[in-house]
C-alpha cells in the first residue's frame, strides 16, 4: 500500500512541476485532489506585498538598482524555503567567490514538499549570498548577487 501511494505522489509531483512551469506568472498555491477531481491554482498579486512581508524589503532591490556596481542577481523561482545545499550535511551548491555558468544549480527552494532547483540564468562570480540558508523566500526575491565575469558588462 505504501509503495503505490509513493508512486502516485511522485507522479503528482512531476505533474505539478510541469504545470507550474507552464503557467504564466508566479503561482502561489496549487491544490490537487484525486477523488471527484479538484484542481485549484492561485496566483500571487504582483502589486500586493506578501502577507507578513516587510514592505521595505520587497520594494527595495538595492542590488539591481545600483548601476555603478554592475551587480546582477539570481532570483527565487517560487515561494518557499531557500536552501544553499542539497541536504543538511552537504557542501553548499555555491559560495562567495565561485564563478558560475548559466544553467548551473545554485540552490533549492522547497515549496509544498517539492524541491525546486534554483539555476543561474547568466554567468558571473558570486559576490554575496542575499538570503540565509533555511529562510523563507518570496517569488522573484533576489537570492544571490553576482558580478559579471571579467570582460563582460
C-alpha atoms as a PDB file:
ATOM      1  CA  UNK A   1       0.000   0.000   0.000  1.00  0.00           C
ATOM      2  CA  UNK A   2       2.813   2.430   0.849  1.00  0.00           C
ATOM      3  CA  UNK A   3       4.657   1.780  -2.428  1.00  0.00           C
ATOM      4  CA  UNK A   4       1.583   2.531  -4.573  1.00  0.00           C
ATOM      5  CA  UNK A   5       0.954   5.764  -2.706  1.00  0.00           C
ATOM      6  CA  UNK A   6       4.559   6.798  -3.168  1.00  0.00           C
ATOM      7  CA  UNK A   7       4.326   6.204  -6.929  1.00  0.00           C
ATOM      8  CA  UNK A   8       1.117   8.245  -7.141  1.00  0.00           C
ATOM      9  CA  UNK A   9       2.706  11.011  -5.074  1.00  0.00           C
ATOM     10  CA  UNK A  10       5.804  11.037  -7.291  1.00  0.00           C
ATOM     11  CA  UNK A  11       3.581  11.256 -10.365  1.00  0.00           C
ATOM     12  CA  UNK A  12       1.624  14.149  -8.872  1.00  0.00           C
ATOM     13  CA  UNK A  13       4.854  15.960  -8.011  1.00  0.00           C
ATOM     14  CA  UNK A  14       6.062  15.642 -11.607  1.00  0.00           C
ATOM     15  CA  UNK A  15       2.735  16.883 -12.939  1.00  0.00           C
ATOM     16  CA  UNK A  16       2.682  19.844 -10.544  1.00  0.00           C
ATOM     17  CA  UNK A  17       6.219  20.845 -11.541  1.00  0.00           C
ATOM     18  CA  UNK A  18       5.248  20.681 -15.209  1.00  0.00           C
ATOM     19  CA  UNK A  19       2.010  22.591 -14.605  1.00  0.00           C
ATOM     20  CA  UNK A  20       3.698  25.351 -12.607  1.00  0.00           C
ATOM     21  CA  UNK A  21       6.380  25.714 -15.288  1.00  0.00           C
ATOM     22  CA  UNK A  22       3.681  26.158 -17.956  1.00  0.00           C
ATOM     23  CA  UNK A  23       1.509  28.656 -16.067  1.00  0.00           C
ATOM     24  CA  UNK A  24       2.003  32.366 -16.606  1.00  0.00           C
ATOM     25  CA  UNK A  25       3.033  34.400 -13.594  1.00  0.00           C
ATOM     26  CA  UNK A  26       4.050  33.494 -10.066  1.00  0.00           C
ATOM     27  CA  UNK A  27       1.950  30.644  -8.713  1.00  0.00           C
ATOM     28  CA  UNK A  28       1.178  30.972  -5.015  1.00  0.00           C
ATOM     29  CA  UNK A  29      -0.641  27.717  -4.427  1.00  0.00           C
ATOM     30  CA  UNK A  30      -1.642  24.549  -6.267  1.00  0.00           C
ATOM     31  CA  UNK A  31      -4.162  22.123  -4.749  1.00  0.00           C
ATOM     32  CA  UNK A  32      -4.883  18.715  -6.268  1.00  0.00           C
ATOM     33  CA  UNK A  33      -7.408  16.055  -5.289  1.00  0.00           C
ATOM     34  CA  UNK A  34      -7.985  12.705  -6.953  1.00  0.00           C
ATOM     35  CA  UNK A  35     -11.441  11.723  -5.650  1.00  0.00           C
ATOM     36  CA  UNK A  36     -14.050  13.799  -7.514  1.00  0.00           C
ATOM     37  CA  UNK A  37     -11.192  15.600  -9.279  1.00  0.00           C
ATOM     38  CA  UNK A  38     -10.322  19.049  -7.966  1.00  0.00           C
ATOM     39  CA  UNK A  39      -7.531  21.298  -9.206  1.00  0.00           C
ATOM     40  CA  UNK A  40      -7.030  24.791  -7.793  1.00  0.00           C
ATOM     41  CA  UNK A  41      -4.352  27.245  -8.843  1.00  0.00           C
ATOM     42  CA  UNK A  42      -3.838  30.541  -7.043  1.00  0.00           C
ATOM     43  CA  UNK A  43      -1.589  33.266  -8.406  1.00  0.00           C
ATOM     44  CA  UNK A  44       0.221  35.991  -6.490  1.00  0.00           C
ATOM     45  CA  UNK A  45      -0.960  39.541  -6.988  1.00  0.00           C
ATOM     46  CA  UNK A  46       2.333  41.129  -8.094  1.00  0.00           C
ATOM     47  CA  UNK A  47       1.148  44.559  -6.902  1.00  0.00           C
ATOM     48  CA  UNK A  48       0.443  43.369  -3.363  1.00  0.00           C
ATOM     49  CA  UNK A  49       3.214  42.570  -0.873  1.00  0.00           C
ATOM     50  CA  UNK A  50       3.184  39.072   0.531  1.00  0.00           C
ATOM     51  CA  UNK A  51       1.416  38.584   3.866  1.00  0.00           C
ATOM     52  CA  UNK A  52       3.788  39.282   6.748  1.00  0.00           C
ATOM     53  CA  UNK A  53       6.456  40.606   4.385  1.00  0.00           C
ATOM     54  CA  UNK A  54       8.299  43.786   5.228  1.00  0.00           C
ATOM     55  CA  UNK A  55       7.154  46.249   2.510  1.00  0.00           C
ATOM     56  CA  UNK A  56      10.538  47.987   2.609  1.00  0.00           C
ATOM     57  CA  UNK A  57      12.353  44.720   1.829  1.00  0.00           C
ATOM     58  CA  UNK A  58      10.007  43.833  -1.028  1.00  0.00           C
ATOM     59  CA  UNK A  59      10.194  47.226  -2.728  1.00  0.00           C
ATOM     60  CA  UNK A  60      13.901  47.874  -2.318  1.00  0.00           C
ATOM     61  CA  UNK A  61      16.002  45.836  -4.782  1.00  0.00           C
ATOM     62  CA  UNK A  62      19.132  47.838  -3.998  1.00  0.00           C
ATOM     63  CA  UNK A  63      21.368  45.225  -5.566  1.00  0.00           C
ATOM     64  CA  UNK A  64      19.911  45.741  -9.037  1.00  0.00           C
ATOM     65  CA  UNK A  65      19.308  49.468  -8.999  1.00  0.00           C
ATOM     66  CA  UNK A  66      22.904  50.493  -8.324  1.00  0.00           C
ATOM     67  CA  UNK A  67      24.301  50.543 -11.872  1.00  0.00           C
ATOM     68  CA  UNK A  68      27.780  51.525 -10.704  1.00  0.00           C
ATOM     69  CA  UNK A  69      28.188  48.127  -9.011  1.00  0.00           C
ATOM     70  CA  UNK A  70      27.180  46.187 -12.181  1.00  0.00           C
ATOM     71  CA  UNK A  71      25.701  43.514  -9.919  1.00  0.00           C
ATOM     72  CA  UNK A  72      23.194  41.015 -11.178  1.00  0.00           C
ATOM     73  CA  UNK A  73      21.033  38.665  -9.133  1.00  0.00           C
ATOM     74  CA  UNK A  74      19.726  35.116  -9.167  1.00  0.00           C
ATOM     75  CA  UNK A  75      16.068  35.151  -8.123  1.00  0.00           C
ATOM     76  CA  UNK A  76      13.734  32.705  -6.379  1.00  0.00           C
ATOM     77  CA  UNK A  77      11.636  30.748  -8.901  1.00  0.00           C
ATOM     78  CA  UNK A  78       8.841  30.087  -6.364  1.00  0.00           C
ATOM     79  CA  UNK A  79       7.724  30.927  -2.832  1.00  0.00           C
ATOM     80  CA  UNK A  80       9.213  28.578  -0.260  1.00  0.00           C
ATOM     81  CA  UNK A  81      12.262  27.893   1.892  1.00  0.00           C
ATOM     82  CA  UNK A  82      15.715  28.532   0.402  1.00  0.00           C
ATOM     83  CA  UNK A  83      18.491  26.013   0.950  1.00  0.00           C
ATOM     84  CA  UNK A  84      22.103  26.539  -0.089  1.00  0.00           C
ATOM     85  CA  UNK A  85      22.936  22.799  -0.088  1.00  0.00           C
ATOM     86  CA  UNK A  86      21.206  19.655  -1.379  1.00  0.00           C
ATOM     87  CA  UNK A  87      20.940  18.271   2.177  1.00  0.00           C
ATOM     88  CA  UNK A  88      21.835  19.491   5.688  1.00  0.00           C
ATOM     89  CA  UNK A  89      25.341  17.991   5.969  1.00  0.00           C
ATOM     90  CA  UNK A  90      26.354  18.621   2.341  1.00  0.00           C
ATOM     91  CA  UNK A  91      28.553  21.397   0.995  1.00  0.00           C
ATOM     92  CA  UNK A  92      26.659  24.397  -0.449  1.00  0.00           C
ATOM     93  CA  UNK A  93      25.991  24.496  -4.183  1.00  0.00           C
ATOM     94  CA  UNK A  94      27.947  27.776  -4.445  1.00  0.00           C
ATOM     95  CA  UNK A  95      29.884  30.107  -2.162  1.00  0.00           C
ATOM     96  CA  UNK A  96      31.074  33.698  -2.346  1.00  0.00           C
ATOM     97  CA  UNK A  97      33.895  33.896  -4.874  1.00  0.00           C
ATOM     98  CA  UNK A  98      32.664  30.988  -7.031  1.00  0.00           C
ATOM     99  CA  UNK A  99      32.382  31.524 -10.768  1.00  0.00           C
ATOM    100  CA  UNK A 100      29.046  30.178 -12.041  1.00  0.00           C
ATOM    101  CA  UNK A 101      27.717  29.478 -15.516  1.00  0.00           C
ATOM    102  CA  UNK A 102      24.188  29.758 -16.973  1.00  0.00           C
ATOM    103  CA  UNK A 103      22.073  26.743 -16.046  1.00  0.00           C
ATOM    104  CA  UNK A 104      24.179  25.847 -13.001  1.00  0.00           C
ATOM    105  CA  UNK A 105      22.235  24.873  -9.864  1.00  0.00           C
ATOM    106  CA  UNK A 106      22.986  27.436  -7.145  1.00  0.00           C
ATOM    107  CA  UNK A 107      20.393  26.426  -4.525  1.00  0.00           C
ATOM    108  CA  UNK A 108      16.974  24.900  -3.973  1.00  0.00           C
ATOM    109  CA  UNK A 109      13.634  26.267  -2.828  1.00  0.00           C
ATOM    110  CA  UNK A 110      11.351  23.843  -1.044  1.00  0.00           C
ATOM    111  CA  UNK A 111       7.685  24.513  -1.732  1.00  0.00           C
ATOM    112  CA  UNK A 112       4.933  22.137  -0.650  1.00  0.00           C
ATOM    113  CA  UNK A 113       7.467  19.325  -0.094  1.00  0.00           C
ATOM    114  CA  UNK A 114       8.799  19.787  -3.644  1.00  0.00           C
ATOM    115  CA  UNK A 115      12.451  20.673  -4.103  1.00  0.00           C
ATOM    116  CA  UNK A 116      12.762  23.258  -6.889  1.00  0.00           C
ATOM    117  CA  UNK A 117      16.242  23.825  -8.263  1.00  0.00           C
ATOM    118  CA  UNK A 118      17.419  27.411  -8.463  1.00  0.00           C
ATOM    119  CA  UNK A 119      19.566  27.818 -11.553  1.00  0.00           C
ATOM    120  CA  UNK A 120      21.633  30.756 -12.710  1.00  0.00           C
ATOM    121  CA  UNK A 121      20.381  32.369 -15.898  1.00  0.00           C
ATOM    122  CA  UNK A 122      23.700  34.108 -16.502  1.00  0.00           C
ATOM    123  CA  UNK A 123      27.395  33.701 -15.826  1.00  0.00           C
ATOM    124  CA  UNK A 124      29.075  35.586 -13.012  1.00  0.00           C
ATOM    125  CA  UNK A 125      31.084  35.493  -9.825  1.00  0.00           C
ATOM    126  CA  UNK A 126      29.138  35.124  -6.563  1.00  0.00           C
ATOM    127  CA  UNK A 127      29.765  38.276  -4.526  1.00  0.00           C
ATOM    128  CA  UNK A 128      27.078  37.940  -1.859  1.00  0.00           C
ATOM    129  CA  UNK A 129      24.518  35.461  -0.558  1.00  0.00           C
ATOM    130  CA  UNK A 130      21.434  37.624  -0.025  1.00  0.00           C
ATOM    131  CA  UNK A 131      19.352  35.006   1.839  1.00  0.00           C
ATOM    132  CA  UNK A 132      20.458  32.795   4.706  1.00  0.00           C
ATOM    133  CA  UNK A 133      20.133  29.031   4.490  1.00  0.00           C
ATOM    134  CA  UNK A 134      16.728  27.767   5.632  1.00  0.00           C
ATOM    135  CA  UNK A 135      14.983  31.142   5.401  1.00  0.00           C
ATOM    136  CA  UNK A 136      11.614  31.725   3.676  1.00  0.00           C
ATOM    137  CA  UNK A 137      11.687  33.493   0.317  1.00  0.00           C
ATOM    138  CA  UNK A 138       9.096  35.092  -1.945  1.00  0.00           C
ATOM    139  CA  UNK A 139       8.696  34.598  -5.672  1.00  0.00           C
ATOM    140  CA  UNK A 140      11.291  36.620  -7.642  1.00  0.00           C
ATOM    141  CA  UNK A 141      13.200  37.581  -4.469  1.00  0.00           C
ATOM    142  CA  UNK A 142      16.929  38.141  -5.079  1.00  0.00           C
ATOM    143  CA  UNK A 143      18.896  35.249  -3.564  1.00  0.00           C
ATOM    144  CA  UNK A 144      22.452  35.626  -4.817  1.00  0.00           C
ATOM    145  CA  UNK A 145      24.341  38.704  -6.049  1.00  0.00           C
ATOM    146  CA  UNK A 146      26.695  38.240  -8.997  1.00  0.00           C
ATOM    147  CA  UNK A 147      29.296  40.323 -10.743  1.00  0.00           C
ATOM    148  CA  UNK A 148      29.640  39.719 -14.472  1.00  0.00           C
ATOM    149  CA  UNK A 149      32.696  37.694 -15.458  1.00  0.00           C
ATOM    150  CA  UNK A 150      35.757  39.746 -16.329  1.00  0.00           C
ATOM    151  CA  UNK A 151      35.412  41.308 -19.757  1.00  0.00           C
ATOM    152  CA  UNK A 152      31.579  41.486 -19.672  1.00  0.00           C
ATOM    153  CA  UNK A 153      29.319  44.291 -18.555  1.00  0.00           C
END
